[in-house]
Amino acid sequence: MTHIAGITIEKDKQGNARYARIDLKKYGHLLNPIFKELGIEDDISPYDPKFVAKIRKSEKEFAEGKGTKIDIENLWK
């Protein structure tokens, strides 16, 4: 068997290969297009998904012209 730095094959209790651990810093440039095609996101957001959904909704509404503009001169009055 060939050994490749940055890739580890893990076996189950019976000795069958079950998992592959791949160093994405080393091989991410090759795997990220495949992950994207499969719908797998490699970026994990530190934000609550509900909060992100609110922000995206407000951005969409603003793009549709549903936002409210506030005059900067009257902001602190």
N, C-alpha and C. Protein backbone atom coordinates (compact mmCIF):
# COMPACT_ATOMS: atom_id res chain seq x y z
N MET A 1 0.84 -1.18 0.00
CA MET A 1 0.00 0.00 0.00
C MET A 1 0.89 1.24 0.00
N THR A 2 0.46 2.25 -0.74
CA THR A 2 1.19 3.51 -0.84
C THR A 2 0.82 4.42 0.31
N HIS A 3 1.80 5.08 0.88
CA HIS A 3 1.57 6.05 1.95
C HIS A 3 1.72 7.45 1.37
N ILE A 4 0.73 8.29 1.62
CA ILE A 4 0.75 9.66 1.13
C ILE A 4 0.67 10.58 2.33
N ALA A 5 1.61 11.49 2.44
CA ALA A 5 1.61 12.44 3.55
C ALA A 5 0.36 13.30 3.48
N GLY A 6 -0.33 13.43 4.61
CA GLY A 6 -1.53 14.25 4.66
C GLY A 6 -2.82 13.48 4.46
N ILE A 7 -2.73 12.18 4.17
CA ILE A 7 -3.92 11.33 4.02
C ILE A 7 -3.75 10.11 4.92
N THR A 8 -4.74 9.88 5.77
CA THR A 8 -4.73 8.74 6.68
C THR A 8 -6.00 7.93 6.48
N ILE A 9 -5.86 6.63 6.31
CA ILE A 9 -7.02 5.75 6.18
C ILE A 9 -7.25 5.12 7.55
N GLU A 10 -8.48 5.23 8.05
CA GLU A 10 -8.83 4.64 9.35
C GLU A 10 -9.69 3.41 9.12
N LYS A 11 -9.44 2.40 9.95
CA LYS A 11 -10.15 1.12 9.81
C LYS A 11 -11.11 0.92 10.98
N ASP A 12 -12.14 0.10 10.73
CA ASP A 12 -13.08 -0.25 11.80
C ASP A 12 -12.51 -1.42 12.61
N LYS A 13 -13.31 -1.94 13.55
CA LYS A 13 -12.85 -3.01 14.44
C LYS A 13 -12.50 -4.29 13.68
N GLN A 14 -13.14 -4.50 12.54
CA GLN A 14 -12.87 -5.70 11.75
C GLN A 14 -11.66 -5.53 10.82
N GLY A 15 -11.09 -4.34 10.78
CA GLY A 15 -9.93 -4.09 9.94
C GLY A 15 -10.26 -3.59 8.55
N ASN A 16 -11.54 -3.27 8.31
CA ASN A 16 -11.94 -2.75 7.00
C ASN A 16 -11.73 -1.24 6.95
N ALA A 17 -11.23 -0.77 5.83
CA ALA A 17 -11.05 0.68 5.65
C ALA A 17 -12.41 1.35 5.66
N ARG A 18 -12.61 2.34 6.55
CA ARG A 18 -13.90 3.00 6.70
C ARG A 18 -13.85 4.50 6.43
N TYR A 19 -12.78 5.14 6.83
CA TYR A 19 -12.71 6.60 6.74
C TYR A 19 -11.36 7.03 6.19
N ALA A 20 -11.37 8.17 5.53
CA ALA A 20 -10.13 8.78 5.08
C ALA A 20 -10.06 10.17 5.69
N ARG A 21 -8.98 10.46 6.36
CA ARG A 21 -8.73 11.81 6.89
C ARG A 21 -7.74 12.48 5.94
N ILE A 22 -8.16 13.64 5.43
CA ILE A 22 -7.36 14.33 4.43
C ILE A 22 -7.04 15.73 4.93
N ASP A 23 -5.79 16.10 4.89
CA ASP A 23 -5.34 17.42 5.29
C ASP A 23 -5.76 18.43 4.21
N LEU A 24 -6.79 19.23 4.53
CA LEU A 24 -7.31 20.17 3.53
C LEU A 24 -6.37 21.34 3.27
N LYS A 25 -5.46 21.61 4.19
CA LYS A 25 -4.47 22.65 3.91
C LYS A 25 -3.56 22.21 2.78
N LYS A 26 -3.32 20.91 2.71
CA LYS A 26 -2.44 20.37 1.69
C LYS A 26 -3.18 20.03 0.39
N TYR A 27 -4.40 19.48 0.51
CA TYR A 27 -5.13 18.99 -0.65
C TYR A 27 -6.46 19.71 -0.90
N GLY A 28 -6.75 20.75 -0.15
CA GLY A 28 -8.01 21.46 -0.28
C GLY A 28 -8.24 22.03 -1.67
N HIS A 29 -7.19 22.53 -2.30
CA HIS A 29 -7.33 23.11 -3.64
C HIS A 29 -7.82 22.08 -4.65
N LEU A 30 -7.54 20.80 -4.40
CA LEU A 30 -8.01 19.74 -5.29
C LEU A 30 -9.42 19.27 -4.92
N LEU A 31 -9.73 19.27 -3.63
CA LEU A 31 -11.00 18.70 -3.16
C LEU A 31 -12.14 19.71 -3.08
N ASN A 32 -11.86 20.97 -2.86
CA ASN A 32 -12.93 21.96 -2.72
C ASN A 32 -13.88 22.02 -3.92
N PRO A 33 -13.39 21.95 -5.16
CA PRO A 33 -14.35 21.92 -6.29
C PRO A 33 -15.28 20.71 -6.24
N ILE A 34 -14.76 19.57 -5.80
CA ILE A 34 -15.60 18.37 -5.69
C ILE A 34 -16.62 18.56 -4.58
N PHE A 35 -16.18 19.09 -3.43
CA PHE A 35 -17.10 19.35 -2.32
C PHE A 35 -18.21 20.31 -2.74
N LYS A 36 -17.84 21.35 -3.47
CA LYS A 36 -18.83 22.34 -3.91
C LYS A 36 -19.86 21.70 -4.84
N GLU A 37 -19.39 20.84 -5.74
CA GLU A 37 -20.29 20.15 -6.66
C GLU A 37 -21.26 19.23 -5.91
N LEU A 38 -20.81 18.65 -4.81
CA LEU A 38 -21.65 17.78 -4.00
C LEU A 38 -22.54 18.55 -3.04
N GLY A 39 -22.33 19.86 -2.94
CA GLY A 39 -23.13 20.67 -2.04
C GLY A 39 -22.61 20.68 -0.61
N ILE A 40 -21.35 20.34 -0.44
CA ILE A 40 -20.73 20.33 0.88
C ILE A 40 -19.97 21.63 1.08
N GLU A 41 -20.31 22.34 2.16
CA GLU A 41 -19.61 23.59 2.46
C GLU A 41 -18.43 23.30 3.37
N ASP A 42 -17.28 23.86 3.03
CA ASP A 42 -16.12 23.64 3.89
C ASP A 42 -15.95 24.78 4.90
N ASP A 43 -16.67 25.87 4.72
CA ASP A 43 -16.61 26.97 5.67
C ASP A 43 -17.70 26.80 6.71
N ILE A 44 -17.32 26.81 7.95
CA ILE A 44 -18.30 26.72 9.03
C ILE A 44 -18.43 28.11 9.62
N SER A 45 -19.64 28.64 9.58
CA SER A 45 -19.88 29.99 10.06
C SER A 45 -19.92 30.01 11.59
N PRO A 46 -19.30 31.02 12.20
CA PRO A 46 -19.38 31.14 13.65
C PRO A 46 -20.72 31.74 14.10
N TYR A 47 -21.57 32.11 13.15
CA TYR A 47 -22.83 32.78 13.46
C TYR A 47 -23.99 31.79 13.52
N ASP A 48 -24.99 32.15 14.29
CA ASP A 48 -26.22 31.37 14.41
C ASP A 48 -26.93 31.38 13.05
N PRO A 49 -27.34 30.22 12.53
CA PRO A 49 -28.00 30.17 11.22
C PRO A 49 -29.25 31.05 11.14
N LYS A 50 -29.98 31.20 12.25
CA LYS A 50 -31.16 32.07 12.24
C LYS A 50 -30.76 33.52 12.02
N PHE A 51 -29.66 33.94 12.64
CA PHE A 51 -29.16 35.30 12.47
C PHE A 51 -28.73 35.53 11.02
N VAL A 52 -28.03 34.57 10.45
CA VAL A 52 -27.58 34.68 9.06
C VAL A 52 -28.78 34.78 8.13
N ALA A 53 -29.82 33.98 8.40
CA ALA A 53 -31.04 34.02 7.57
C ALA A 53 -31.70 35.39 7.63
N LYS A 54 -31.73 36.01 8.82
CA LYS A 54 -32.30 37.36 8.97
C LYS A 54 -31.52 38.38 8.14
N ILE A 55 -30.20 38.31 8.21
CA ILE A 55 -29.36 39.25 7.46
C ILE A 55 -29.57 39.07 5.97
N ARG A 56 -29.59 37.83 5.50
CA ARG A 56 -29.80 37.58 4.06
C ARG A 56 -31.17 38.05 3.61
N LYS A 57 -32.18 37.85 4.46
CA LYS A 57 -33.53 38.31 4.13
C LYS A 57 -33.55 39.83 4.01
N SER A 58 -32.91 40.52 4.96
CA SER A 58 -32.91 41.99 4.92
C SER A 58 -32.13 42.51 3.71
N GLU A 59 -31.04 41.84 3.34
CA GLU A 59 -30.29 42.24 2.15
C GLU A 59 -31.15 42.08 0.89
N LYS A 60 -31.89 40.98 0.82
CA LYS A 60 -32.76 40.74 -0.32
C LYS A 60 -33.85 41.81 -0.39
N GLU A 61 -34.48 42.12 0.75
CA GLU A 61 -35.53 43.13 0.79
C GLU A 61 -34.98 44.50 0.39
N PHE A 62 -33.79 44.83 0.85
CA PHE A 62 -33.19 46.11 0.49
C PHE A 62 -32.93 46.18 -1.01
N ALA A 63 -32.46 45.07 -1.60
CA ALA A 63 -32.21 45.03 -3.05
C ALA A 63 -33.51 45.19 -3.83
N GLU A 64 -34.63 44.76 -3.25
CA GLU A 64 -35.94 44.90 -3.89
C GLU A 64 -36.55 46.27 -3.66
N GLY A 65 -35.84 47.14 -2.95
CA GLY A 65 -36.33 48.49 -2.71
C GLY A 65 -37.25 48.61 -1.52
N LYS A 66 -37.24 47.63 -0.63
CA LYS A 66 -38.12 47.67 0.53
C LYS A 66 -37.44 48.26 1.77
N GLY A 67 -36.24 48.79 1.59
CA GLY A 67 -35.52 49.36 2.73
C GLY A 67 -35.94 50.78 3.03
N THR A 68 -35.52 51.27 4.17
CA THR A 68 -35.79 52.64 4.57
C THR A 68 -34.47 53.38 4.69
N LYS A 69 -34.38 54.54 4.04
CA LYS A 69 -33.17 55.35 4.13
C LYS A 69 -33.34 56.38 5.24
N ILE A 70 -32.27 56.58 5.99
CA ILE A 70 -32.28 57.57 7.06
C ILE A 70 -31.29 58.66 6.70
N ASP A 71 -31.74 59.88 6.76
CA ASP A 71 -30.88 61.02 6.48
C ASP A 71 -29.83 61.13 7.58
N ILE A 72 -28.56 61.14 7.20
CA ILE A 72 -27.47 61.18 8.18
C ILE A 72 -27.54 62.44 9.04
N GLU A 73 -27.99 63.54 8.48
CA GLU A 73 -28.07 64.79 9.21
C GLU A 73 -29.05 64.67 10.38
N ASN A 74 -30.07 63.84 10.25
CA ASN A 74 -31.10 63.70 11.29
C ASN A 74 -30.93 62.43 12.14
N LEU A 75 -29.82 61.77 11.95
CA LEU A 75 -29.61 60.49 12.62
C LEU A 75 -29.60 60.61 14.13
N TRP A 76 -28.97 61.64 14.68
CA TRP A 76 -28.84 61.77 16.13
C TRP A 76 -29.82 62.76 16.73
N LYS A 77 -30.83 63.13 16.01
CA LYS A 77 -31.81 64.09 16.54
C LYS A 77 -32.96 63.39 17.20
